[in-house]
Amino acid sequence: MVSVNYLHVLVAAVLVFVLGWLWYSPLLFYKPWMRMRGLDPVAAMAGAKMPGESCSSNSCGASSLRT
């Protein structure tokens, strides 16, 4: 039977996530990647929003809690 080391699986998953974040971040290849796609990196970041940023603390999910 094959045994799975769940700690190693978790560490590998986090490592892949961090490497992907670094790869497409402004620290490494974001600007060249955007230029190769034919987009202006500065203009693309001007309208960028984080997920959930449009939710206020009063409106996001509050309707699902009411019965």
N, C-alpha and C. Protein backbone atom coordinates (compact mmCIF):
# COMPACT_ATOMS: atom_id res chain seq x y z
N MET A 1 0.84 -1.17 0.00
CA MET A 1 0.00 0.00 0.00
C MET A 1 0.89 1.25 0.00
N VAL A 2 0.48 2.24 -0.74
CA VAL A 2 1.24 3.48 -0.84
C VAL A 2 0.85 4.40 0.31
N SER A 3 1.87 4.93 0.99
CA SER A 3 1.56 5.87 2.06
C SER A 3 1.81 7.29 1.53
N VAL A 4 0.96 8.20 1.95
CA VAL A 4 1.03 9.59 1.51
C VAL A 4 1.45 10.45 2.68
N ASN A 5 2.48 11.23 2.47
CA ASN A 5 2.90 12.18 3.49
C ASN A 5 2.17 13.49 3.22
N TYR A 6 1.14 13.73 3.99
CA TYR A 6 0.27 14.89 3.74
C TYR A 6 0.99 16.21 3.97
N LEU A 7 1.95 16.22 4.84
CA LEU A 7 2.74 17.44 5.05
C LEU A 7 3.50 17.81 3.78
N HIS A 8 4.11 16.82 3.13
CA HIS A 8 4.82 17.07 1.89
C HIS A 8 3.88 17.53 0.78
N VAL A 9 2.70 16.97 0.72
CA VAL A 9 1.71 17.38 -0.28
C VAL A 9 1.30 18.83 -0.03
N LEU A 10 1.06 19.19 1.21
CA LEU A 10 0.68 20.56 1.55
C LEU A 10 1.81 21.54 1.23
N VAL A 11 3.04 21.19 1.58
CA VAL A 11 4.19 22.06 1.30
C VAL A 11 4.36 22.23 -0.21
N ALA A 12 4.20 21.17 -0.98
CA ALA A 12 4.34 21.25 -2.44
C ALA A 12 3.24 22.13 -3.04
N ALA A 13 2.02 22.02 -2.53
CA ALA A 13 0.92 22.84 -3.05
C ALA A 13 1.16 24.31 -2.75
N VAL A 14 1.60 24.62 -1.55
CA VAL A 14 1.89 26.01 -1.20
C VAL A 14 3.05 26.54 -2.03
N LEU A 15 4.06 25.73 -2.24
CA LEU A 15 5.21 26.15 -3.03
C LEU A 15 4.83 26.46 -4.47
N VAL A 16 3.99 25.64 -5.07
CA VAL A 16 3.53 25.89 -6.44
C VAL A 16 2.72 27.18 -6.49
N PHE A 17 1.88 27.42 -5.51
CA PHE A 17 1.09 28.65 -5.46
C PHE A 17 2.01 29.87 -5.36
N VAL A 18 2.99 29.82 -4.49
CA VAL A 18 3.92 30.95 -4.30
C VAL A 18 4.75 31.17 -5.56
N LEU A 19 5.22 30.11 -6.17
CA LEU A 19 6.00 30.27 -7.41
C LEU A 19 5.16 30.86 -8.53
N GLY A 20 3.92 30.46 -8.65
CA GLY A 20 3.03 31.05 -9.65
C GLY A 20 2.77 32.51 -9.39
N TRP A 21 2.58 32.86 -8.11
CA TRP A 21 2.37 34.26 -7.75
C TRP A 21 3.61 35.09 -8.10
N LEU A 22 4.79 34.57 -7.77
CA LEU A 22 6.03 35.29 -8.10
C LEU A 22 6.24 35.41 -9.60
N TRP A 23 5.95 34.35 -10.34
CA TRP A 23 6.19 34.32 -11.78
C TRP A 23 5.41 35.44 -12.49
N TYR A 24 4.16 35.63 -12.12
CA TYR A 24 3.33 36.63 -12.78
C TYR A 24 3.24 37.94 -11.98
N SER A 25 4.09 38.12 -10.99
CA SER A 25 4.09 39.35 -10.21
C SER A 25 5.03 40.37 -10.84
N PRO A 26 4.89 41.64 -10.45
CA PRO A 26 5.80 42.67 -10.95
C PRO A 26 7.25 42.42 -10.55
N LEU A 27 7.49 41.55 -9.58
CA LEU A 27 8.86 41.25 -9.17
C LEU A 27 9.64 40.48 -10.24
N LEU A 28 8.94 39.68 -11.05
CA LEU A 28 9.64 38.89 -12.05
C LEU A 28 9.19 39.22 -13.48
N PHE A 29 8.11 38.59 -13.94
CA PHE A 29 7.81 38.63 -15.37
C PHE A 29 6.49 39.28 -15.74
N TYR A 30 5.86 40.03 -14.83
CA TYR A 30 4.57 40.63 -15.13
C TYR A 30 4.65 41.59 -16.32
N LYS A 31 5.59 42.52 -16.26
CA LYS A 31 5.68 43.54 -17.31
C LYS A 31 6.04 42.94 -18.67
N PRO A 32 7.06 42.09 -18.80
CA PRO A 32 7.32 41.49 -20.11
C PRO A 32 6.16 40.62 -20.61
N TRP A 33 5.50 39.91 -19.70
CA TRP A 33 4.37 39.06 -20.07
C TRP A 33 3.24 39.91 -20.64
N MET A 34 2.93 41.04 -19.98
CA MET A 34 1.86 41.92 -20.46
C MET A 34 2.23 42.55 -21.80
N ARG A 35 3.49 42.96 -21.96
CA ARG A 35 3.92 43.55 -23.23
C ARG A 35 3.82 42.53 -24.37
N MET A 36 4.18 41.27 -24.09
CA MET A 36 4.09 40.23 -25.13
C MET A 36 2.64 39.96 -25.51
N ARG A 37 1.72 40.18 -24.60
CA ARG A 37 0.30 40.03 -24.90
C ARG A 37 -0.26 41.25 -25.62
N GLY A 38 0.56 42.30 -25.73
CA GLY A 38 0.13 43.51 -26.42
C GLY A 38 -0.63 44.48 -25.54
N LEU A 39 -0.45 44.36 -24.22
CA LEU A 39 -1.14 45.23 -23.27
C LEU A 39 -0.14 46.11 -22.55
N ASP A 40 -0.60 47.27 -22.11
CA ASP A 40 0.22 48.17 -21.32
C ASP A 40 0.12 47.76 -19.85
N PRO A 41 1.23 47.38 -19.20
CA PRO A 41 1.17 46.93 -17.81
C PRO A 41 0.62 47.98 -16.85
N VAL A 42 0.95 49.24 -17.06
CA VAL A 42 0.49 50.30 -16.16
C VAL A 42 -1.02 50.49 -16.30
N ALA A 43 -1.51 50.49 -17.54
CA ALA A 43 -2.95 50.64 -17.76
C ALA A 43 -3.73 49.45 -17.23
N ALA A 44 -3.15 48.26 -17.32
CA ALA A 44 -3.84 47.06 -16.83
C ALA A 44 -3.98 47.09 -15.31
N MET A 45 -2.98 47.63 -14.62
CA MET A 45 -3.04 47.70 -13.15
C MET A 45 -3.91 48.85 -12.67
N ALA A 46 -4.18 49.83 -13.52
CA ALA A 46 -4.96 51.00 -13.10
C ALA A 46 -6.39 50.60 -12.71
N GLY A 47 -6.99 49.67 -13.43
CA GLY A 47 -8.36 49.27 -13.14
C GLY A 47 -8.46 47.98 -12.36
N ALA A 48 -7.33 47.48 -11.86
CA ALA A 48 -7.33 46.19 -11.16
C ALA A 48 -7.94 46.32 -9.77
N LYS A 49 -8.73 45.33 -9.40
CA LYS A 49 -9.32 45.27 -8.07
C LYS A 49 -9.05 43.89 -7.48
N MET A 50 -8.93 43.85 -6.20
CA MET A 50 -8.78 42.58 -5.53
C MET A 50 -10.15 41.90 -5.43
N PRO A 51 -10.19 40.57 -5.48
CA PRO A 51 -11.48 39.89 -5.33
C PRO A 51 -12.12 40.24 -3.99
N GLY A 52 -13.39 40.53 -4.03
CA GLY A 52 -14.12 40.87 -2.82
C GLY A 52 -14.00 42.33 -2.42
N GLU A 53 -13.27 43.11 -3.18
CA GLU A 53 -13.08 44.52 -2.84
C GLU A 53 -14.37 45.31 -2.97
N SER A 54 -15.28 44.87 -3.83
CA SER A 54 -16.52 45.61 -4.03
C SER A 54 -17.53 45.35 -2.91
N CYS A 55 -17.28 44.35 -2.09
CA CYS A 55 -18.19 44.03 -0.98
C CYS A 55 -17.87 44.91 0.21
N SER A 56 -18.89 45.51 0.75
CA SER A 56 -18.69 46.21 2.02
C SER A 56 -18.99 45.23 3.14
N SER A 57 -18.59 45.58 4.33
CA SER A 57 -18.80 44.66 5.45
C SER A 57 -20.28 44.47 5.75
N ASN A 58 -21.13 45.42 5.35
CA ASN A 58 -22.55 45.32 5.63
C ASN A 58 -23.32 44.55 4.56
N SER A 59 -22.84 44.58 3.31
CA SER A 59 -23.65 44.02 2.24
C SER A 59 -23.20 42.65 1.74
N CYS A 60 -21.97 42.32 1.88
CA CYS A 60 -21.45 41.08 1.30
C CYS A 60 -21.80 39.89 2.20
N GLY A 61 -22.68 39.07 1.72
CA GLY A 61 -23.07 37.87 2.44
C GLY A 61 -24.12 38.09 3.51
N ALA A 62 -24.51 39.31 3.76
CA ALA A 62 -25.48 39.56 4.83
C ALA A 62 -26.86 39.02 4.48
N SER A 63 -27.22 39.04 3.19
CA SER A 63 -28.54 38.56 2.81
C SER A 63 -28.66 37.05 2.98
N SER A 64 -27.56 36.32 2.87
CA SER A 64 -27.64 34.87 3.03
C SER A 64 -27.77 34.47 4.49
N LEU A 65 -27.44 35.37 5.42
CA LEU A 65 -27.54 35.04 6.83
C LEU A 65 -28.95 35.31 7.37
N ARG A 66 -29.71 36.13 6.70
CA ARG A 66 -31.07 36.46 7.17
C ARG A 66 -32.02 35.33 6.80
N THR A 67 -32.98 35.07 7.68
CA THR A 67 -33.95 34.01 7.38
C THR A 67 -35.31 34.58 7.12
